[in-house]
N, C-alpha and C. Protein backbone atom coordinates (compact mmCIF):
# COMPACT_ATOMS: atom_id res chain seq x y z
N MET A 1 -72.46 49.15 -136.26
CA MET A 1 -73.52 48.22 -135.95
C MET A 1 -74.00 47.59 -137.25
N THR A 2 -74.11 46.29 -137.26
CA THR A 2 -74.58 45.56 -138.42
C THR A 2 -76.02 45.15 -138.20
N ILE A 3 -76.86 45.37 -139.20
CA ILE A 3 -78.27 44.96 -139.13
C ILE A 3 -78.47 43.84 -140.13
N SER A 4 -78.91 42.68 -139.61
CA SER A 4 -79.15 41.55 -140.51
C SER A 4 -80.54 41.69 -141.11
N CYS A 5 -80.87 40.81 -142.04
CA CYS A 5 -82.16 40.87 -142.72
C CYS A 5 -83.32 40.70 -141.75
N GLY A 6 -83.11 39.99 -140.66
CA GLY A 6 -84.17 39.76 -139.69
C GLY A 6 -84.43 40.97 -138.80
N GLN A 7 -83.48 41.88 -138.73
CA GLN A 7 -83.64 43.06 -137.89
C GLN A 7 -84.07 44.25 -138.73
N SER A 8 -84.91 45.06 -138.17
CA SER A 8 -85.35 46.26 -138.85
C SER A 8 -85.44 47.39 -137.84
N PRO A 9 -84.82 48.53 -138.14
CA PRO A 9 -84.92 49.64 -137.20
C PRO A 9 -86.36 50.13 -137.04
N ILE A 10 -87.23 49.87 -138.03
CA ILE A 10 -88.62 50.29 -137.95
C ILE A 10 -89.34 49.51 -136.87
N ASN A 11 -88.99 48.25 -136.68
CA ASN A 11 -89.64 47.42 -135.67
C ASN A 11 -88.98 47.55 -134.31
N SER A 12 -87.98 48.38 -134.19
CA SER A 12 -87.27 48.55 -132.94
C SER A 12 -88.20 49.12 -131.88
N ILE A 13 -88.03 48.69 -130.65
CA ILE A 13 -88.83 49.20 -129.56
C ILE A 13 -88.38 50.60 -129.15
N ASP A 14 -87.19 50.98 -129.53
CA ASP A 14 -86.62 52.26 -129.15
C ASP A 14 -86.90 53.31 -130.23
N LYS A 15 -88.16 53.74 -130.32
CA LYS A 15 -88.55 54.74 -131.32
C LYS A 15 -88.39 56.14 -130.76
N ALA A 16 -88.15 57.10 -131.63
CA ALA A 16 -87.99 58.48 -131.21
C ALA A 16 -89.34 59.09 -130.86
N THR A 17 -89.37 59.87 -129.79
CA THR A 17 -90.56 60.59 -129.36
C THR A 17 -90.19 62.06 -129.19
N PRO A 18 -91.17 62.95 -129.05
CA PRO A 18 -90.84 64.37 -128.91
C PRO A 18 -89.95 64.69 -127.72
N THR A 19 -89.93 63.85 -126.70
CA THR A 19 -89.07 64.12 -125.56
C THR A 19 -87.63 63.72 -125.83
N ASN A 20 -87.36 63.22 -127.02
CA ASN A 20 -86.02 62.80 -127.37
C ASN A 20 -85.17 63.92 -127.95
N PHE A 21 -85.71 65.13 -128.06
CA PHE A 21 -84.98 66.22 -128.68
C PHE A 21 -84.91 67.39 -127.71
N GLN A 22 -83.74 67.99 -127.61
CA GLN A 22 -83.60 69.20 -126.82
C GLN A 22 -82.75 70.19 -127.60
N LEU A 23 -83.20 71.43 -127.65
CA LEU A 23 -82.41 72.51 -128.21
C LEU A 23 -81.91 73.32 -127.04
N ILE A 24 -80.61 73.33 -126.85
CA ILE A 24 -80.01 73.90 -125.65
C ILE A 24 -79.14 75.10 -126.02
N PHE A 25 -79.44 76.23 -125.41
CA PHE A 25 -78.63 77.44 -125.52
C PHE A 25 -77.95 77.62 -124.16
N PRO A 26 -76.64 77.46 -124.06
CA PRO A 26 -75.99 77.64 -122.77
C PRO A 26 -76.22 79.03 -122.17
N LYS A 27 -76.31 80.04 -123.01
CA LYS A 27 -76.60 81.40 -122.54
C LYS A 27 -77.16 82.20 -123.71
N LEU A 28 -77.87 83.27 -123.37
CA LEU A 28 -78.40 84.18 -124.38
C LEU A 28 -77.72 85.53 -124.20
N PRO A 29 -77.43 86.23 -125.29
CA PRO A 29 -76.71 87.51 -125.17
C PRO A 29 -77.53 88.61 -124.50
N THR A 30 -78.84 88.43 -124.39
CA THR A 30 -79.70 89.48 -123.84
C THR A 30 -79.95 89.31 -122.35
N GLU A 31 -79.60 88.17 -121.80
CA GLU A 31 -79.93 87.89 -120.42
C GLU A 31 -78.83 88.33 -119.47
N SER A 32 -79.22 89.08 -118.43
CA SER A 32 -78.25 89.54 -117.43
C SER A 32 -78.74 89.28 -116.01
N SER A 33 -79.86 88.58 -115.87
CA SER A 33 -80.40 88.30 -114.55
C SER A 33 -79.62 87.16 -113.90
N ILE A 34 -79.97 86.85 -112.68
CA ILE A 34 -79.29 85.77 -111.96
C ILE A 34 -79.53 84.42 -112.63
N THR A 35 -80.65 84.29 -113.33
CA THR A 35 -80.95 83.03 -114.02
C THR A 35 -80.25 82.95 -115.38
N ALA A 36 -79.48 83.97 -115.73
CA ALA A 36 -78.78 83.97 -117.03
C ALA A 36 -77.77 82.84 -117.13
N ASN A 37 -77.30 82.34 -116.00
CA ASN A 37 -76.34 81.23 -116.01
C ASN A 37 -77.01 79.90 -116.28
N ASN A 38 -78.34 79.86 -116.22
CA ASN A 38 -79.06 78.63 -116.53
C ASN A 38 -79.23 78.51 -118.04
N PRO A 39 -79.06 77.31 -118.57
CA PRO A 39 -79.25 77.17 -120.03
C PRO A 39 -80.72 77.38 -120.40
N PHE A 40 -80.94 77.91 -121.60
CA PHE A 40 -82.28 78.08 -122.16
C PHE A 40 -82.55 76.84 -123.00
N ILE A 41 -83.50 76.02 -122.56
CA ILE A 41 -83.82 74.76 -123.24
C ILE A 41 -85.20 74.90 -123.86
N MET A 42 -85.28 74.76 -125.18
CA MET A 42 -86.55 74.90 -125.88
C MET A 42 -87.24 73.56 -126.01
N ASN A 43 -88.55 73.56 -125.81
CA ASN A 43 -89.39 72.38 -125.96
C ASN A 43 -89.81 72.29 -127.43
N ILE A 44 -88.95 71.73 -128.25
CA ILE A 44 -89.22 71.67 -129.69
C ILE A 44 -89.99 70.39 -130.02
N PHE A 45 -90.83 70.48 -131.04
CA PHE A 45 -91.52 69.28 -131.50
C PHE A 45 -91.23 68.99 -132.96
N SER A 46 -90.55 69.91 -133.64
CA SER A 46 -90.19 69.67 -135.03
C SER A 46 -88.96 70.49 -135.39
N ALA A 47 -87.99 69.83 -135.94
CA ALA A 47 -86.79 70.49 -136.43
C ALA A 47 -86.19 69.62 -137.52
N VAL A 48 -86.04 70.20 -138.68
CA VAL A 48 -85.43 69.48 -139.80
C VAL A 48 -83.99 69.93 -139.90
N ILE A 49 -83.08 68.98 -139.94
CA ILE A 49 -81.66 69.34 -140.07
C ILE A 49 -81.50 70.05 -141.40
N PRO A 50 -80.93 71.26 -141.37
CA PRO A 50 -80.85 72.08 -142.59
C PRO A 50 -79.99 71.45 -143.69
N SER A 51 -80.25 71.90 -144.91
CA SER A 51 -79.47 71.45 -146.06
C SER A 51 -78.07 72.03 -146.00
N VAL A 52 -77.15 71.28 -146.54
CA VAL A 52 -75.76 71.69 -146.66
C VAL A 52 -75.36 71.47 -148.11
N SER A 53 -74.67 72.44 -148.70
CA SER A 53 -74.30 72.27 -150.10
C SER A 53 -72.89 72.78 -150.35
N LEU A 54 -72.33 72.26 -151.42
CA LEU A 54 -71.02 72.70 -151.91
C LEU A 54 -71.24 73.38 -153.25
N SER A 55 -70.65 74.52 -153.43
CA SER A 55 -70.73 75.22 -154.72
C SER A 55 -69.67 74.65 -155.65
N GLU A 56 -70.07 74.51 -156.89
CA GLU A 56 -69.14 73.97 -157.88
C GLU A 56 -68.84 75.01 -158.95
N GLU A 57 -67.70 74.83 -159.56
CA GLU A 57 -67.28 75.70 -160.65
C GLU A 57 -66.69 74.79 -161.74
N GLU A 58 -67.08 75.05 -162.96
CA GLU A 58 -66.55 74.26 -164.06
C GLU A 58 -65.30 74.94 -164.60
N LEU A 59 -64.23 74.19 -164.68
CA LEU A 59 -62.96 74.71 -165.18
C LEU A 59 -62.56 73.95 -166.45
N ARG A 60 -61.82 74.64 -167.27
CA ARG A 60 -61.24 73.98 -168.46
C ARG A 60 -59.73 73.99 -168.28
N TRP A 61 -59.16 72.82 -168.50
CA TRP A 61 -57.71 72.71 -168.43
C TRP A 61 -57.28 71.76 -169.53
N GLN A 62 -56.47 72.23 -170.42
CA GLN A 62 -55.97 71.46 -171.57
C GLN A 62 -57.13 70.79 -172.32
N SER A 63 -58.11 71.56 -172.66
CA SER A 63 -59.30 71.16 -173.41
C SER A 63 -60.17 70.13 -172.69
N HIS A 64 -59.97 69.95 -171.42
CA HIS A 64 -60.81 69.05 -170.63
C HIS A 64 -61.65 69.86 -169.65
N LYS A 65 -62.89 69.43 -169.49
CA LYS A 65 -63.76 70.05 -168.50
C LYS A 65 -63.58 69.32 -167.18
N THR A 66 -63.51 70.08 -166.13
CA THR A 66 -63.42 69.49 -164.80
C THR A 66 -64.22 70.36 -163.84
N LYS A 67 -64.72 69.74 -162.80
CA LYS A 67 -65.47 70.48 -161.78
C LYS A 67 -64.57 70.67 -160.57
N HIS A 68 -64.73 71.83 -159.98
CA HIS A 68 -63.92 72.19 -158.83
C HIS A 68 -64.87 72.72 -157.75
N VAL A 69 -64.68 72.30 -156.51
CA VAL A 69 -65.53 72.73 -155.41
C VAL A 69 -65.01 74.06 -154.88
N LEU A 70 -65.94 75.00 -154.75
CA LEU A 70 -65.60 76.29 -154.17
C LEU A 70 -65.84 76.26 -152.67
N GLU A 71 -65.10 77.07 -151.97
CA GLU A 71 -65.30 77.15 -150.52
C GLU A 71 -66.03 78.43 -150.20
N PRO A 72 -66.67 78.57 -149.13
CA PRO A 72 -66.92 77.57 -148.10
C PRO A 72 -68.20 76.78 -148.35
N MET A 73 -68.44 75.78 -147.51
CA MET A 73 -69.67 75.02 -147.56
C MET A 73 -70.81 75.96 -147.18
N GLU A 74 -71.97 75.80 -147.80
CA GLU A 74 -73.12 76.68 -147.53
C GLU A 74 -74.15 75.94 -146.69
N PHE A 75 -74.64 76.61 -145.65
CA PHE A 75 -75.62 76.04 -144.73
C PHE A 75 -76.92 76.84 -144.84
N ASP A 76 -78.04 76.15 -145.04
CA ASP A 76 -79.34 76.82 -145.10
C ASP A 76 -79.78 77.24 -143.70
N THR A 77 -80.74 78.17 -143.63
CA THR A 77 -81.29 78.56 -142.33
C THR A 77 -82.03 77.37 -141.73
N TRP A 78 -82.30 77.46 -140.43
CA TRP A 78 -82.84 76.32 -139.69
C TRP A 78 -84.19 76.69 -139.10
N LEU A 79 -85.24 75.99 -139.51
CA LEU A 79 -86.59 76.22 -139.01
C LEU A 79 -86.89 75.24 -137.88
N VAL A 80 -87.31 75.78 -136.74
CA VAL A 80 -87.63 74.98 -135.57
C VAL A 80 -89.05 75.31 -135.13
N SER A 81 -89.85 74.29 -134.85
CA SER A 81 -91.20 74.48 -134.30
C SER A 81 -91.17 74.08 -132.83
N TYR A 82 -91.80 74.89 -131.99
CA TYR A 82 -91.73 74.64 -130.56
C TYR A 82 -93.06 74.96 -129.89
N VAL A 83 -93.24 74.40 -128.69
CA VAL A 83 -94.41 74.66 -127.88
C VAL A 83 -94.09 75.88 -127.02
N VAL A 84 -94.98 76.86 -127.05
CA VAL A 84 -94.81 78.07 -126.24
C VAL A 84 -95.27 77.74 -124.82
N ASP A 85 -94.47 78.15 -123.84
CA ASP A 85 -94.81 77.85 -122.45
C ASP A 85 -96.01 78.67 -121.99
N ALA A 86 -96.57 78.32 -120.84
CA ALA A 86 -97.80 78.95 -120.34
C ALA A 86 -97.64 80.45 -120.10
N ASN A 87 -96.46 80.91 -119.75
CA ASN A 87 -96.22 82.33 -119.51
C ASN A 87 -95.68 83.06 -120.75
N ILE A 88 -95.60 82.35 -121.86
CA ILE A 88 -95.08 82.88 -123.13
C ILE A 88 -93.65 83.41 -122.96
N LYS A 89 -92.94 82.85 -121.99
CA LYS A 89 -91.58 83.30 -121.67
C LYS A 89 -90.60 82.96 -122.80
N ASN A 90 -90.68 81.74 -123.36
CA ASN A 90 -89.71 81.37 -124.40
C ASN A 90 -89.89 82.22 -125.66
N TRP A 91 -91.12 82.52 -126.02
CA TRP A 91 -91.35 83.40 -127.18
C TRP A 91 -90.81 84.80 -126.90
N GLN A 92 -91.05 85.30 -125.67
CA GLN A 92 -90.57 86.62 -125.29
C GLN A 92 -89.04 86.70 -125.28
N LEU A 93 -88.38 85.64 -124.83
CA LEU A 93 -86.91 85.62 -124.86
C LEU A 93 -86.38 85.70 -126.28
N LEU A 94 -87.02 84.96 -127.20
CA LEU A 94 -86.59 85.01 -128.60
C LEU A 94 -86.85 86.39 -129.20
N PHE A 95 -88.00 87.00 -128.86
CA PHE A 95 -88.30 88.35 -129.34
C PHE A 95 -87.30 89.36 -128.80
N LYS A 96 -86.98 89.24 -127.53
CA LYS A 96 -85.99 90.13 -126.91
C LYS A 96 -84.63 89.98 -127.58
N TRP A 97 -84.26 88.75 -127.92
CA TRP A 97 -82.98 88.48 -128.59
C TRP A 97 -82.98 89.15 -129.97
N MET A 98 -84.08 89.00 -130.72
CA MET A 98 -84.15 89.62 -132.05
C MET A 98 -84.11 91.15 -131.93
N SER A 99 -84.77 91.70 -130.93
CA SER A 99 -84.73 93.15 -130.71
C SER A 99 -83.32 93.61 -130.36
N TYR A 100 -82.59 92.77 -129.66
CA TYR A 100 -81.20 93.08 -129.32
C TYR A 100 -80.32 93.08 -130.57
N VAL A 101 -80.61 92.17 -131.50
CA VAL A 101 -79.82 92.08 -132.73
C VAL A 101 -79.94 93.37 -133.53
N ASN A 102 -81.16 93.90 -133.62
CA ASN A 102 -81.37 95.13 -134.39
C ASN A 102 -82.36 96.01 -133.65
N ASP A 103 -81.84 96.84 -132.76
CA ASP A 103 -82.73 97.70 -131.98
C ASP A 103 -82.79 99.13 -132.53
N ASN A 104 -82.24 99.33 -133.73
CA ASN A 104 -82.23 100.63 -134.40
C ASN A 104 -81.46 101.71 -133.64
N GLN A 105 -80.76 101.33 -132.59
CA GLN A 105 -79.92 102.27 -131.85
C GLN A 105 -78.48 101.80 -131.81
N VAL A 106 -78.30 100.57 -131.34
CA VAL A 106 -76.96 100.01 -131.22
C VAL A 106 -76.66 99.22 -132.49
N LYS A 107 -75.57 99.55 -133.13
CA LYS A 107 -75.14 98.81 -134.31
C LYS A 107 -73.98 97.91 -133.92
N HIS A 108 -74.20 96.62 -134.04
CA HIS A 108 -73.17 95.65 -133.67
C HIS A 108 -72.13 95.58 -134.78
N GLU A 109 -70.88 95.60 -134.36
CA GLU A 109 -69.79 95.52 -135.32
C GLU A 109 -69.71 94.14 -135.96
N GLU A 110 -69.91 93.11 -135.17
CA GLU A 110 -69.84 91.74 -135.66
C GLU A 110 -71.04 90.96 -135.15
N HIS A 111 -71.40 89.93 -135.88
CA HIS A 111 -72.54 89.12 -135.41
C HIS A 111 -72.18 88.34 -134.16
N ARG A 112 -70.91 88.23 -133.84
CA ARG A 112 -70.50 87.54 -132.60
C ARG A 112 -70.99 88.29 -131.36
N ASP A 113 -71.37 89.55 -131.52
CA ASP A 113 -71.90 90.32 -130.39
C ASP A 113 -73.30 89.84 -129.99
N TYR A 114 -74.01 89.20 -130.91
CA TYR A 114 -75.37 88.77 -130.61
C TYR A 114 -75.61 87.29 -130.91
N ALA A 115 -74.60 86.58 -131.38
CA ALA A 115 -74.75 85.16 -131.70
C ALA A 115 -74.16 84.31 -130.58
N VAL A 116 -74.73 83.14 -130.39
CA VAL A 116 -74.24 82.19 -129.40
C VAL A 116 -74.16 80.81 -130.06
N ASP A 117 -73.57 79.88 -129.37
CA ASP A 117 -73.57 78.50 -129.83
C ASP A 117 -74.76 77.78 -129.19
N ALA A 118 -75.31 76.81 -129.89
CA ALA A 118 -76.43 76.02 -129.37
C ALA A 118 -76.26 74.58 -129.83
N SER A 119 -76.91 73.68 -129.11
CA SER A 119 -76.82 72.26 -129.45
C SER A 119 -78.20 71.64 -129.55
N LEU A 120 -78.42 70.90 -130.62
CA LEU A 120 -79.59 70.05 -130.75
C LEU A 120 -79.13 68.66 -130.36
N VAL A 121 -79.64 68.16 -129.23
CA VAL A 121 -79.23 66.85 -128.73
C VAL A 121 -80.40 65.89 -128.94
N VAL A 122 -80.10 64.76 -129.54
CA VAL A 122 -81.10 63.71 -129.77
C VAL A 122 -80.77 62.57 -128.81
N PHE A 123 -81.79 62.17 -128.03
CA PHE A 123 -81.61 61.12 -127.03
C PHE A 123 -82.37 59.87 -127.45
N SER A 124 -81.90 58.71 -126.97
CA SER A 124 -82.68 57.48 -127.11
C SER A 124 -83.78 57.54 -126.05
N ASN A 125 -84.69 56.59 -126.08
CA ASN A 125 -85.75 56.55 -125.06
C ASN A 125 -85.20 56.27 -123.67
N TYR A 126 -83.95 55.90 -123.57
CA TYR A 126 -83.30 55.64 -122.30
C TYR A 126 -82.47 56.84 -121.85
N ARG A 127 -82.73 58.00 -122.49
CA ARG A 127 -82.06 59.28 -122.20
C ARG A 127 -80.54 59.21 -122.40
N VAL A 128 -80.12 58.39 -123.35
CA VAL A 128 -78.72 58.32 -123.73
C VAL A 128 -78.54 59.16 -124.98
N PRO A 129 -77.61 60.12 -124.99
CA PRO A 129 -77.40 60.93 -126.19
C PRO A 129 -77.00 60.07 -127.39
N VAL A 130 -77.69 60.27 -128.51
CA VAL A 130 -77.41 59.51 -129.73
C VAL A 130 -76.56 60.34 -130.69
N VAL A 131 -76.94 61.60 -130.87
CA VAL A 131 -76.20 62.50 -131.74
C VAL A 131 -76.41 63.93 -131.24
N GLU A 132 -75.42 64.77 -131.49
CA GLU A 132 -75.52 66.18 -131.13
C GLU A 132 -75.10 67.01 -132.33
N LEU A 133 -75.92 67.99 -132.66
CA LEU A 133 -75.56 68.96 -133.69
C LEU A 133 -75.26 70.26 -132.98
N GLN A 134 -74.04 70.72 -133.10
CA GLN A 134 -73.65 71.98 -132.47
C GLN A 134 -73.69 73.07 -133.52
N PHE A 135 -74.58 74.06 -133.33
CA PHE A 135 -74.72 75.19 -134.23
C PHE A 135 -73.84 76.32 -133.71
N VAL A 136 -72.93 76.78 -134.54
CA VAL A 136 -71.96 77.78 -134.15
C VAL A 136 -72.44 79.16 -134.58
N ASP A 137 -72.41 80.10 -133.64
CA ASP A 137 -72.82 81.49 -133.87
C ASP A 137 -74.22 81.58 -134.47
N ILE A 138 -75.18 81.14 -133.69
CA ILE A 138 -76.58 81.10 -134.12
C ILE A 138 -77.34 82.28 -133.53
N TRP A 139 -78.33 82.77 -134.29
CA TRP A 139 -79.23 83.81 -133.78
C TRP A 139 -80.56 83.70 -134.52
N PRO A 140 -81.66 84.13 -133.88
CA PRO A 140 -82.97 84.05 -134.52
C PRO A 140 -83.11 85.13 -135.60
N SER A 141 -83.57 84.73 -136.77
CA SER A 141 -83.76 85.70 -137.86
C SER A 141 -85.24 85.93 -138.18
N THR A 142 -86.10 84.97 -137.86
CA THR A 142 -87.54 85.10 -138.07
C THR A 142 -88.25 84.42 -136.91
N LEU A 143 -89.13 85.15 -136.27
CA LEU A 143 -89.93 84.59 -135.18
C LEU A 143 -91.37 84.46 -135.67
N GLY A 144 -91.89 83.24 -135.61
CA GLY A 144 -93.23 82.97 -136.12
C GLY A 144 -94.33 83.60 -135.28
N GLU A 145 -95.50 83.66 -135.88
CA GLU A 145 -96.65 84.27 -135.21
C GLU A 145 -97.17 83.37 -134.10
N LEU A 146 -97.93 83.99 -133.20
CA LEU A 146 -98.67 83.26 -132.16
C LEU A 146 -100.14 83.38 -132.51
N SER A 147 -100.82 82.25 -132.59
CA SER A 147 -102.23 82.25 -132.95
C SER A 147 -103.04 81.89 -131.71
N PHE A 148 -103.77 82.87 -131.20
CA PHE A 148 -104.63 82.63 -130.06
C PHE A 148 -106.02 82.24 -130.58
N SER A 149 -106.41 81.01 -130.29
CA SER A 149 -107.71 80.54 -130.74
C SER A 149 -108.19 79.47 -129.77
N THR A 150 -109.45 79.14 -129.86
CA THR A 150 -109.99 78.05 -129.04
C THR A 150 -110.51 76.98 -129.98
N ARG A 151 -110.29 75.76 -129.58
CA ARG A 151 -110.77 74.61 -130.34
C ARG A 151 -110.92 73.45 -129.37
N GLU A 152 -111.57 72.40 -129.79
CA GLU A 152 -111.77 71.26 -128.90
C GLU A 152 -110.49 70.48 -128.72
N GLY A 153 -110.41 69.79 -127.60
CA GLY A 153 -109.24 68.97 -127.33
C GLY A 153 -108.13 69.77 -126.67
N ASP A 154 -106.96 69.18 -126.65
CA ASP A 154 -105.81 69.84 -126.06
C ASP A 154 -105.41 71.03 -126.92
N VAL A 155 -105.24 72.16 -126.29
CA VAL A 155 -104.84 73.36 -126.99
C VAL A 155 -103.42 73.72 -126.56
N TYR A 156 -102.54 73.73 -127.52
CA TYR A 156 -101.16 74.12 -127.26
C TYR A 156 -100.86 75.36 -128.09
N LEU A 157 -100.18 76.28 -127.48
CA LEU A 157 -99.73 77.45 -128.20
C LEU A 157 -98.39 77.09 -128.83
N GLU A 158 -98.32 77.18 -130.15
CA GLU A 158 -97.12 76.78 -130.87
C GLU A 158 -96.62 77.95 -131.70
N SER A 159 -95.33 77.92 -131.99
CA SER A 159 -94.73 78.93 -132.84
C SER A 159 -93.53 78.32 -133.55
N THR A 160 -92.94 79.10 -134.43
CA THR A 160 -91.73 78.68 -135.13
C THR A 160 -90.69 79.78 -134.99
N VAL A 161 -89.47 79.38 -135.18
CA VAL A 161 -88.36 80.33 -135.21
C VAL A 161 -87.38 79.85 -136.27
N ASN A 162 -86.90 80.78 -137.06
CA ASN A 162 -85.92 80.47 -138.09
C ASN A 162 -84.58 81.01 -137.60
N PHE A 163 -83.58 80.15 -137.54
CA PHE A 163 -82.27 80.54 -137.06
C PHE A 163 -81.28 80.67 -138.22
N THR A 164 -80.42 81.66 -138.11
CA THR A 164 -79.28 81.81 -139.00
C THR A 164 -78.05 81.47 -138.17
N TYR A 165 -77.06 80.88 -138.78
CA TYR A 165 -75.86 80.44 -138.05
C TYR A 165 -74.72 80.37 -139.04
N ASP A 166 -73.51 80.23 -138.53
CA ASP A 166 -72.35 80.12 -139.41
C ASP A 166 -72.22 78.72 -139.99
N TYR A 167 -72.26 77.73 -139.14
CA TYR A 167 -72.15 76.33 -139.59
C TYR A 167 -72.55 75.43 -138.43
N PHE A 168 -72.72 74.14 -138.71
CA PHE A 168 -72.95 73.20 -137.62
C PHE A 168 -71.98 72.04 -137.71
N ILE A 169 -71.76 71.42 -136.56
CA ILE A 169 -70.85 70.29 -136.42
C ILE A 169 -71.68 69.11 -135.92
N VAL A 170 -71.50 67.93 -136.50
CA VAL A 170 -72.19 66.73 -136.06
C VAL A 170 -71.25 65.98 -135.14
N LYS A 171 -71.73 65.74 -133.92
CA LYS A 171 -70.93 65.02 -132.93
C LYS A 171 -71.66 63.73 -132.56
N THR A 172 -70.93 62.64 -132.52
CA THR A 172 -71.49 61.37 -132.08
C THR A 172 -70.92 61.07 -130.71
N PRO A 173 -71.78 60.90 -129.69
CA PRO A 173 -71.27 60.60 -128.35
C PRO A 173 -70.45 59.32 -128.34
N THR A 174 -69.52 59.23 -127.45
CA THR A 174 -68.63 58.07 -127.39
C THR A 174 -69.32 56.83 -126.86
N ASN A 175 -70.47 57.00 -126.17
CA ASN A 175 -71.15 55.84 -125.59
C ASN A 175 -72.08 55.14 -126.55
N VAL A 176 -72.16 55.58 -127.82
CA VAL A 176 -73.06 54.95 -128.79
C VAL A 176 -72.36 53.79 -129.46
């Protein structure tokens, strides 16, 4: 897509809103009920795409310095802020998942026993997928506190969760 000087994405009528993001877990490793086949969709209001870095190593060859990239690519943890539902079910599911990861009784041989794949899907205001980030082998590593308080105006119970994962893949839908 080419943007001329007269066009500006800032002035576009199609601005992103909180309903434009969905964090979708097709399944959770802790769920065994009949609803376990339903995807777990988090109502997120803030998620920053994590940093990705390449490690470098300086090599000398025939009196010349050169840089060489080491493998693998490194992915930072992912912090997500979300609205806790009225029954505190989403927070409880994340807590149950973390307890499953390390319950001090069962020792998992591999993180694949408790990790799943998840997708952060970004939609346009017309509910057309714009981009999808697929997080491979993700699990919650830090669950934020819940602060019960009263204040004027709309009161939403909010929390954060920090996810660890192996890597993510950026997918662009074909209809864009």
